[in-house]
Amino acid sequence: MITRICTICGQPFRCYPSDNTVTCSPECRRERARRDATGNGRKWGDESKKRLSDKGQTENLKKGTEAALKSPIAGPYETHWEALIWQLQSPEGKIYTCRNLNLWLRNNKDILPSTPGLFKAGIMQVKRSLQGKRKPGVYTYKGWRLLGWRKPQDK
């Protein structure tokens, strides 16, 4: 048996060396759990953050990011595994059908009324309204309407 100091009340208590216990009693254990649950528990210190930051990316991570960007199912392509088929209607009435909205936005910046990021956020609000997830509903973004979206395998 060894003696440790309780992290909550500071009292010494005895436990086995292989035991991970850091509190002396059930009351202190509950208090520690409460602190962890409310976000006032263990936090990263500045020194720990700096030490992790200084490590940088490992070689495996660098290779993985590079490979993912080239992959047809993970990179910025129409074949991305999460890409949906979208139908948008411009204010002039022209209908655009695309697969992978992000890619379409990057390739069509000149016809958009705002930046691709803002435009996507507006269209996503329209989508949420059509799904019934947004009250009050928004059904256009700067004159653009969302006519539909679906997964590629859905016909």
N, C-alpha and C. Protein backbone atom coordinates (compact mmCIF):
# COMPACT_ATOMS: atom_id res chain seq x y z
N MET A 1 0.85 -1.18 0.00
CA MET A 1 0.00 0.00 0.00
C MET A 1 0.89 1.24 0.00
N ILE A 2 0.40 2.28 -0.69
CA ILE A 2 1.12 3.55 -0.71
C ILE A 2 0.17 4.65 -0.25
N THR A 3 0.73 5.81 0.03
CA THR A 3 -0.08 6.95 0.45
C THR A 3 -0.12 7.96 -0.69
N ARG A 4 -1.33 8.40 -1.00
CA ARG A 4 -1.53 9.45 -2.01
C ARG A 4 -2.29 10.60 -1.37
N ILE A 5 -2.30 11.74 -2.05
CA ILE A 5 -3.02 12.92 -1.59
C ILE A 5 -4.27 13.08 -2.46
N CYS A 6 -5.42 13.25 -1.84
CA CYS A 6 -6.68 13.42 -2.55
C CYS A 6 -6.65 14.72 -3.38
N THR A 7 -7.06 14.62 -4.64
CA THR A 7 -7.04 15.80 -5.53
C THR A 7 -8.14 16.80 -5.20
N ILE A 8 -9.12 16.41 -4.42
CA ILE A 8 -10.23 17.30 -4.07
C ILE A 8 -10.01 17.98 -2.72
N CYS A 9 -9.83 17.17 -1.67
CA CYS A 9 -9.75 17.76 -0.32
C CYS A 9 -8.31 17.88 0.21
N GLY A 10 -7.35 17.23 -0.44
CA GLY A 10 -5.96 17.34 -0.01
C GLY A 10 -5.56 16.40 1.12
N GLN A 11 -6.48 15.52 1.54
CA GLN A 11 -6.18 14.60 2.64
C GLN A 11 -5.39 13.40 2.11
N PRO A 12 -4.45 12.86 2.91
CA PRO A 12 -3.74 11.65 2.49
C PRO A 12 -4.67 10.43 2.62
N PHE A 13 -4.48 9.46 1.72
CA PHE A 13 -5.23 8.21 1.80
C PHE A 13 -4.36 7.08 1.27
N ARG A 14 -4.69 5.86 1.67
CA ARG A 14 -3.87 4.70 1.30
C ARG A 14 -4.57 3.92 0.18
N CYS A 15 -3.75 3.44 -0.77
CA CYS A 15 -4.27 2.62 -1.86
C CYS A 15 -3.15 1.76 -2.42
N TYR A 16 -3.47 0.83 -3.26
CA TYR A 16 -2.47 -0.02 -3.90
C TYR A 16 -1.76 0.78 -5.00
N PRO A 17 -0.49 0.49 -5.27
CA PRO A 17 0.25 1.23 -6.30
C PRO A 17 -0.39 1.10 -7.69
N SER A 18 -1.01 -0.02 -7.98
CA SER A 18 -1.61 -0.21 -9.30
C SER A 18 -3.00 0.42 -9.40
N ASP A 19 -3.53 0.92 -8.30
CA ASP A 19 -4.86 1.53 -8.29
C ASP A 19 -4.77 2.94 -8.87
N ASN A 20 -5.72 3.31 -9.72
CA ASN A 20 -5.73 4.64 -10.35
C ASN A 20 -6.51 5.67 -9.54
N THR A 21 -6.92 5.31 -8.34
CA THR A 21 -7.73 6.20 -7.50
C THR A 21 -6.97 7.47 -7.16
N VAL A 22 -7.65 8.62 -7.29
CA VAL A 22 -7.03 9.90 -6.95
C VAL A 22 -7.84 10.66 -5.90
N THR A 23 -8.92 10.04 -5.42
CA THR A 23 -9.74 10.67 -4.38
C THR A 23 -9.84 9.74 -3.19
N CYS A 24 -10.09 10.33 -2.03
CA CYS A 24 -10.06 9.55 -0.79
C CYS A 24 -11.40 8.94 -0.40
N SER A 25 -12.51 9.43 -0.91
CA SER A 25 -13.81 8.97 -0.43
C SER A 25 -14.85 9.07 -1.54
N PRO A 26 -16.01 8.44 -1.35
CA PRO A 26 -17.09 8.57 -2.35
C PRO A 26 -17.54 10.02 -2.55
N GLU A 27 -17.52 10.82 -1.47
CA GLU A 27 -17.93 12.23 -1.60
C GLU A 27 -16.97 12.98 -2.52
N CYS A 28 -15.66 12.76 -2.31
CA CYS A 28 -14.66 13.43 -3.15
C CYS A 28 -14.75 12.92 -4.59
N ARG A 29 -15.05 11.63 -4.78
CA ARG A 29 -15.21 11.06 -6.10
C ARG A 29 -16.37 11.73 -6.83
N ARG A 30 -17.48 11.93 -6.12
CA ARG A 30 -18.64 12.60 -6.73
C ARG A 30 -18.31 14.05 -7.09
N GLU A 31 -17.59 14.73 -6.22
CA GLU A 31 -17.21 16.13 -6.49
C GLU A 31 -16.29 16.21 -7.71
N ARG A 32 -15.36 15.27 -7.83
CA ARG A 32 -14.46 15.24 -8.99
C ARG A 32 -15.27 14.99 -10.27
N ALA A 33 -16.22 14.06 -10.21
CA ALA A 33 -17.07 13.78 -11.37
C ALA A 33 -17.91 15.00 -11.74
N ARG A 34 -18.43 15.70 -10.73
CA ARG A 34 -19.22 16.91 -10.99
C ARG A 34 -18.38 17.97 -11.69
N ARG A 35 -17.16 18.16 -11.20
CA ARG A 35 -16.27 19.16 -11.82
C ARG A 35 -15.95 18.79 -13.27
N ASP A 36 -15.68 17.53 -13.51
CA ASP A 36 -15.38 17.09 -14.87
C ASP A 36 -16.59 17.30 -15.78
N ALA A 37 -17.77 17.01 -15.28
CA ALA A 37 -18.98 17.13 -16.09
C ALA A 37 -19.32 18.58 -16.40
N THR A 38 -18.98 19.52 -15.53
CA THR A 38 -19.31 20.93 -15.77
C THR A 38 -18.19 21.67 -16.47
N GLY A 39 -17.16 20.97 -16.90
CA GLY A 39 -16.09 21.60 -17.64
C GLY A 39 -15.06 22.29 -16.77
N ASN A 40 -15.15 22.13 -15.47
CA ASN A 40 -14.18 22.76 -14.58
C ASN A 40 -13.15 21.75 -14.09
N GLY A 41 -13.01 20.68 -14.83
CA GLY A 41 -12.09 19.62 -14.43
C GLY A 41 -10.70 19.88 -14.97
N ARG A 42 -10.10 18.82 -15.43
CA ARG A 42 -8.73 18.90 -15.94
C ARG A 42 -8.69 19.67 -17.25
N LYS A 43 -7.81 20.63 -17.32
CA LYS A 43 -7.68 21.43 -18.54
C LYS A 43 -6.24 21.32 -19.05
N TRP A 44 -6.08 21.57 -20.33
CA TRP A 44 -4.74 21.58 -20.90
C TRP A 44 -4.01 22.83 -20.41
N GLY A 45 -2.79 22.64 -19.97
CA GLY A 45 -1.97 23.77 -19.58
C GLY A 45 -1.28 24.35 -20.81
N ASP A 46 -0.81 25.58 -20.70
CA ASP A 46 -0.12 26.23 -21.82
C ASP A 46 1.12 25.45 -22.23
N GLU A 47 1.84 24.93 -21.23
CA GLU A 47 3.06 24.17 -21.52
C GLU A 47 2.73 22.89 -22.31
N SER A 48 1.67 22.20 -21.91
CA SER A 48 1.27 20.97 -22.61
C SER A 48 0.84 21.27 -24.04
N LYS A 49 0.09 22.35 -24.24
CA LYS A 49 -0.35 22.73 -25.58
C LYS A 49 0.86 23.04 -26.46
N LYS A 50 1.81 23.78 -25.90
CA LYS A 50 3.00 24.15 -26.67
C LYS A 50 3.82 22.92 -27.04
N ARG A 51 3.95 22.00 -26.08
CA ARG A 51 4.74 20.79 -26.32
C ARG A 51 4.11 19.97 -27.45
N LEU A 52 2.79 19.83 -27.46
CA LEU A 52 2.11 19.09 -28.52
C LEU A 52 2.22 19.82 -29.85
N SER A 53 2.09 21.13 -29.82
CA SER A 53 2.19 21.94 -31.03
C SER A 53 3.58 21.84 -31.65
N ASP A 54 4.61 21.82 -30.81
CA ASP A 54 5.98 21.74 -31.31
C ASP A 54 6.28 20.42 -32.00
N LYS A 55 5.55 19.37 -31.65
CA LYS A 55 5.76 18.08 -32.30
C LYS A 55 5.42 18.15 -33.78
N GLY A 56 4.38 18.93 -34.12
CA GLY A 56 3.96 19.05 -35.50
C GLY A 56 3.30 17.78 -35.99
N GLN A 57 3.11 17.69 -37.29
CA GLN A 57 2.49 16.50 -37.87
C GLN A 57 3.53 15.40 -38.03
N THR A 58 3.11 14.18 -37.74
CA THR A 58 4.01 13.04 -37.96
C THR A 58 4.06 12.76 -39.45
N GLU A 59 5.03 11.98 -39.87
CA GLU A 59 5.15 11.63 -41.29
C GLU A 59 3.91 10.89 -41.79
N ASN A 60 3.36 10.01 -40.95
CA ASN A 60 2.15 9.28 -41.36
C ASN A 60 1.00 10.23 -41.62
N LEU A 61 0.82 11.25 -40.74
CA LEU A 61 -0.27 12.21 -40.94
C LEU A 61 -0.08 12.99 -42.23
N LYS A 62 1.16 13.39 -42.50
CA LYS A 62 1.43 14.14 -43.73
C LYS A 62 1.08 13.31 -44.95
N LYS A 63 1.47 12.03 -44.94
CA LYS A 63 1.18 11.15 -46.06
C LYS A 63 -0.32 10.91 -46.19
N GLY A 64 -1.01 10.77 -45.05
CA GLY A 64 -2.45 10.51 -45.08
C GLY A 64 -3.22 11.67 -45.65
N THR A 65 -2.87 12.89 -45.27
CA THR A 65 -3.56 14.07 -45.78
C THR A 65 -3.35 14.18 -47.29
N GLU A 66 -2.13 13.96 -47.72
CA GLU A 66 -1.79 14.02 -49.14
C GLU A 66 -2.60 12.98 -49.92
N ALA A 67 -2.64 11.76 -49.39
CA ALA A 67 -3.37 10.68 -50.06
C ALA A 67 -4.87 10.96 -50.09
N ALA A 68 -5.42 11.50 -49.01
CA ALA A 68 -6.85 11.78 -48.96
C ALA A 68 -7.24 12.83 -49.99
N LEU A 69 -6.39 13.83 -50.19
CA LEU A 69 -6.71 14.87 -51.17
C LEU A 69 -6.69 14.33 -52.60
N LYS A 70 -5.89 13.29 -52.85
CA LYS A 70 -5.82 12.69 -54.19
C LYS A 70 -6.88 11.63 -54.41
N SER A 71 -7.42 11.08 -53.34
CA SER A 71 -8.37 9.98 -53.43
C SER A 71 -9.69 10.44 -54.06
N PRO A 72 -10.22 9.67 -55.01
CA PRO A 72 -11.49 10.06 -55.63
C PRO A 72 -12.68 9.98 -54.68
N ILE A 73 -12.56 9.24 -53.59
CA ILE A 73 -13.69 9.15 -52.68
C ILE A 73 -13.54 10.06 -51.47
N ALA A 74 -12.38 10.70 -51.31
CA ALA A 74 -12.19 11.58 -50.16
C ALA A 74 -11.78 12.99 -50.55
N GLY A 75 -11.26 13.17 -51.74
CA GLY A 75 -10.80 14.48 -52.17
C GLY A 75 -11.94 15.35 -52.67
N PRO A 76 -11.60 16.54 -53.15
CA PRO A 76 -12.63 17.49 -53.62
C PRO A 76 -13.10 17.15 -55.04
N TYR A 77 -13.80 16.03 -55.17
CA TYR A 77 -14.26 15.57 -56.47
C TYR A 77 -15.75 15.26 -56.42
N GLU A 78 -16.35 15.08 -57.60
CA GLU A 78 -17.76 14.71 -57.65
C GLU A 78 -18.00 13.32 -57.07
N THR A 79 -16.97 12.51 -57.01
CA THR A 79 -17.11 11.13 -56.53
C THR A 79 -16.90 11.02 -55.03
N HIS A 80 -16.83 12.14 -54.31
CA HIS A 80 -16.65 12.10 -52.85
C HIS A 80 -17.75 11.25 -52.24
N TRP A 81 -17.40 10.44 -51.25
CA TRP A 81 -18.35 9.47 -50.70
C TRP A 81 -19.55 10.12 -50.02
N GLU A 82 -19.44 11.38 -49.57
CA GLU A 82 -20.57 12.04 -48.92
C GLU A 82 -21.31 13.00 -49.85
N ALA A 83 -20.85 13.11 -51.09
CA ALA A 83 -21.44 14.09 -52.02
C ALA A 83 -22.88 13.74 -52.35
N LEU A 84 -23.73 14.75 -52.28
CA LEU A 84 -25.14 14.60 -52.64
C LEU A 84 -25.37 15.23 -54.01
N ILE A 85 -26.50 14.90 -54.62
CA ILE A 85 -26.89 15.53 -55.87
C ILE A 85 -27.87 16.64 -55.50
N TRP A 86 -27.54 17.88 -55.91
CA TRP A 86 -28.31 19.06 -55.54
C TRP A 86 -28.96 19.66 -56.78
N GLN A 87 -30.15 20.24 -56.60
CA GLN A 87 -30.81 21.00 -57.65
C GLN A 87 -31.11 22.39 -57.12
N LEU A 88 -30.52 23.38 -57.77
CA LEU A 88 -30.69 24.78 -57.37
C LEU A 88 -31.33 25.54 -58.52
N GLN A 89 -32.12 26.55 -58.17
CA GLN A 89 -32.72 27.42 -59.18
C GLN A 89 -32.24 28.84 -58.93
N SER A 90 -31.65 29.45 -59.95
CA SER A 90 -31.15 30.82 -59.83
C SER A 90 -32.32 31.80 -59.84
N PRO A 91 -32.07 33.05 -59.46
CA PRO A 91 -33.15 34.06 -59.51
C PRO A 91 -33.71 34.26 -60.92
N GLU A 92 -32.90 33.98 -61.95
CA GLU A 92 -33.36 34.12 -63.34
C GLU A 92 -34.18 32.92 -63.79
N GLY A 93 -34.25 31.86 -62.97
CA GLY A 93 -35.03 30.68 -63.31
C GLY A 93 -34.23 29.53 -63.87
N LYS A 94 -32.92 29.72 -64.06
CA LYS A 94 -32.09 28.65 -64.60
C LYS A 94 -31.87 27.59 -63.52
N ILE A 95 -32.01 26.32 -63.90
CA ILE A 95 -31.86 25.22 -62.95
C ILE A 95 -30.47 24.60 -63.11
N TYR A 96 -29.78 24.45 -62.00
CA TYR A 96 -28.45 23.85 -61.96
C TYR A 96 -28.55 22.53 -61.17
N THR A 97 -28.04 21.47 -61.75
CA THR A 97 -27.96 20.19 -61.06
C THR A 97 -26.49 19.86 -60.91
N CYS A 98 -26.08 19.52 -59.69
CA CYS A 98 -24.66 19.23 -59.46
C CYS A 98 -24.52 18.11 -58.43
N ARG A 99 -23.40 17.46 -58.49
CA ARG A 99 -23.05 16.49 -57.47
C ARG A 99 -21.84 17.07 -56.76
N ASN A 100 -21.89 17.14 -55.45
CA ASN A 100 -20.87 17.75 -54.58
C ASN A 100 -21.03 19.27 -54.63
N LEU A 101 -21.86 19.77 -53.76
CA LEU A 101 -22.17 21.20 -53.71
C LEU A 101 -20.92 22.05 -53.49
N ASN A 102 -20.02 21.60 -52.61
CA ASN A 102 -18.80 22.37 -52.34
C ASN A 102 -17.97 22.57 -53.61
N LEU A 103 -17.81 21.51 -54.38
CA LEU A 103 -17.04 21.60 -55.63
C LEU A 103 -17.73 22.53 -56.61
N TRP A 104 -19.05 22.41 -56.73
CA TRP A 104 -19.79 23.26 -57.65
C TRP A 104 -19.64 24.73 -57.26
N LEU A 105 -19.71 25.01 -55.95
CA LEU A 105 -19.57 26.39 -55.49
C LEU A 105 -18.19 26.96 -55.82
N ARG A 106 -17.15 26.14 -55.63
CA ARG A 106 -15.80 26.60 -55.96
C ARG A 106 -15.65 26.89 -57.45
N ASN A 107 -16.29 26.06 -58.28
CA ASN A 107 -16.15 26.21 -59.73
C ASN A 107 -17.06 27.29 -60.32
N ASN A 108 -18.05 27.76 -59.57
CA ASN A 108 -19.01 28.73 -60.09
C ASN A 108 -19.09 30.00 -59.24
N LYS A 109 -17.97 30.45 -58.74
CA LYS A 109 -17.94 31.66 -57.89
C LYS A 109 -18.52 32.87 -58.60
N ASP A 110 -18.32 32.93 -59.92
CA ASP A 110 -18.73 34.12 -60.68
C ASP A 110 -20.25 34.30 -60.75
N ILE A 111 -21.04 33.25 -60.60
CA ILE A 111 -22.50 33.42 -60.69
C ILE A 111 -23.16 33.51 -59.31
N LEU A 112 -22.39 33.38 -58.26
CA LEU A 112 -22.96 33.41 -56.90
C LEU A 112 -23.09 34.84 -56.38
N PRO A 113 -24.14 35.12 -55.60
CA PRO A 113 -24.34 36.46 -55.07
C PRO A 113 -23.44 36.78 -53.87
N SER A 114 -22.75 35.78 -53.33
CA SER A 114 -21.85 36.00 -52.19
C SER A 114 -20.71 35.00 -52.27
N THR A 115 -19.87 34.97 -51.26
CA THR A 115 -18.76 34.02 -51.27
C THR A 115 -19.31 32.60 -51.20
N PRO A 116 -18.55 31.60 -51.67
CA PRO A 116 -19.04 30.22 -51.61
C PRO A 116 -19.43 29.78 -50.20
N GLY A 117 -18.68 30.20 -49.20
CA GLY A 117 -18.99 29.80 -47.82
C GLY A 117 -20.32 30.37 -47.35
N LEU A 118 -20.56 31.65 -47.62
CA LEU A 118 -21.83 32.27 -47.22
C LEU A 118 -23.00 31.70 -48.00
N PHE A 119 -22.76 31.46 -49.29
CA PHE A 119 -23.82 30.90 -50.13
C PHE A 119 -24.22 29.52 -49.62
N LYS A 120 -23.22 28.69 -49.30
CA LYS A 120 -23.53 27.35 -48.79
C LYS A 120 -24.31 27.44 -47.48
N ALA A 121 -23.90 28.34 -46.59
CA ALA A 121 -24.60 28.50 -45.32
C ALA A 121 -26.07 28.88 -45.56
N GLY A 122 -26.31 29.77 -46.53
CA GLY A 122 -27.67 30.16 -46.85
C GLY A 122 -28.48 29.01 -47.40
N ILE A 123 -27.90 28.24 -48.30
CA ILE A 123 -28.58 27.08 -48.89
C ILE A 123 -28.85 26.02 -47.83
N MET A 124 -27.93 25.85 -46.89
CA MET A 124 -28.12 24.87 -45.82
C MET A 124 -29.28 25.29 -44.91
N GLN A 125 -29.47 26.59 -44.70
CA GLN A 125 -30.62 27.07 -43.92
C GLN A 125 -31.93 26.76 -44.66
N VAL A 126 -31.89 26.92 -45.97
CA VAL A 126 -33.07 26.58 -46.77
C VAL A 126 -33.35 25.09 -46.64
N LYS A 127 -32.31 24.27 -46.73
CA LYS A 127 -32.47 22.82 -46.61
C LYS A 127 -33.08 22.46 -45.25
N ARG A 128 -32.56 23.08 -44.19
CA ARG A 128 -33.09 22.81 -42.84
C ARG A 128 -34.56 23.21 -42.75
N SER A 129 -34.93 24.30 -43.40
CA SER A 129 -36.33 24.72 -43.39
C SER A 129 -37.21 23.70 -44.11
N LEU A 130 -36.74 23.21 -45.26
CA LEU A 130 -37.51 22.23 -46.01
C LEU A 130 -37.64 20.91 -45.24
N GLN A 131 -36.67 20.61 -44.40
CA GLN A 131 -36.73 19.40 -43.58
C GLN A 131 -37.60 19.60 -42.34
N GLY A 132 -38.01 20.85 -42.08
CA GLY A 132 -38.82 21.14 -40.91
C GLY A 132 -37.98 21.30 -39.65
N LYS A 133 -36.69 21.53 -39.80
CA LYS A 133 -35.80 21.66 -38.65
C LYS A 133 -35.52 23.10 -38.27
N ARG A 134 -36.08 24.05 -39.01
CA ARG A 134 -35.81 25.46 -38.73
C ARG A 134 -37.12 26.23 -38.69
N LYS A 135 -37.33 26.90 -37.60
CA LYS A 135 -38.52 27.73 -37.44
C LYS A 135 -38.07 29.13 -37.08
N PRO A 136 -38.47 30.18 -37.71
CA PRO A 136 -39.32 30.22 -38.89
C PRO A 136 -38.55 29.76 -40.12
N GLY A 137 -39.26 29.29 -41.10
CA GLY A 137 -38.63 28.75 -42.29
C GLY A 137 -38.06 29.82 -43.20
N VAL A 138 -37.02 29.46 -43.91
CA VAL A 138 -36.39 30.32 -44.93
C VAL A 138 -36.39 29.48 -46.20
N TYR A 139 -36.95 29.99 -47.28
CA TYR A 139 -37.10 29.15 -48.46
C TYR A 139 -36.33 29.64 -49.68
N THR A 140 -35.63 30.77 -49.55
CA THR A 140 -34.74 31.23 -50.61
C THR A 140 -33.52 31.86 -49.95
N TYR A 141 -32.43 31.92 -50.73
CA TYR A 141 -31.25 32.65 -50.28
C TYR A 141 -30.86 33.58 -51.42
N LYS A 142 -31.08 34.87 -51.22
CA LYS A 142 -30.77 35.91 -52.22
C LYS A 142 -31.36 35.55 -53.59
N GLY A 143 -32.60 35.03 -53.56
CA GLY A 143 -33.29 34.69 -54.80
C GLY A 143 -33.06 33.26 -55.27
N TRP A 144 -32.08 32.58 -54.74
CA TRP A 144 -31.79 31.20 -55.13
C TRP A 144 -32.69 30.26 -54.34
N ARG A 145 -33.24 29.26 -55.04
CA ARG A 145 -34.10 28.27 -54.39
C ARG A 145 -33.45 26.90 -54.45
N LEU A 146 -33.68 26.11 -53.43
CA LEU A 146 -33.24 24.72 -53.40
C LEU A 146 -34.43 23.87 -53.81
N LEU A 147 -34.31 23.22 -54.97
CA LEU A 147 -35.41 22.41 -55.46
C LEU A 147 -35.37 20.99 -54.89
N GLY A 148 -34.18 20.51 -54.58
CA GLY A 148 -34.08 19.16 -54.02
C GLY A 148 -32.64 18.73 -53.84
N TRP A 149 -32.49 17.65 -53.12
CA TRP A 149 -31.19 17.02 -52.91
C TRP A 149 -31.44 15.55 -52.64
N ARG A 150 -30.48 14.73 -53.02
CA ARG A 150 -30.62 13.30 -52.77
C ARG A 150 -29.24 12.64 -52.80
N LYS A 151 -29.19 11.43 -52.27
CA LYS A 151 -27.97 10.64 -52.35
C LYS A 151 -27.88 10.06 -53.75
N PRO A 152 -26.67 9.88 -54.28
CA PRO A 152 -26.53 9.37 -55.66
C PRO A 152 -27.20 8.02 -55.89
N GLN A 153 -27.19 7.14 -54.88
CA GLN A 153 -27.80 5.82 -55.07
C GLN A 153 -29.32 5.87 -55.06
N ASP A 154 -29.92 6.94 -54.55
CA ASP A 154 -31.38 7.09 -54.57
C ASP A 154 -31.81 7.55 -55.96
N LYS A 155 -32.82 6.96 -56.48
CA LYS A 155 -33.27 7.36 -57.83
C LYS A 155 -34.56 8.12 -57.78
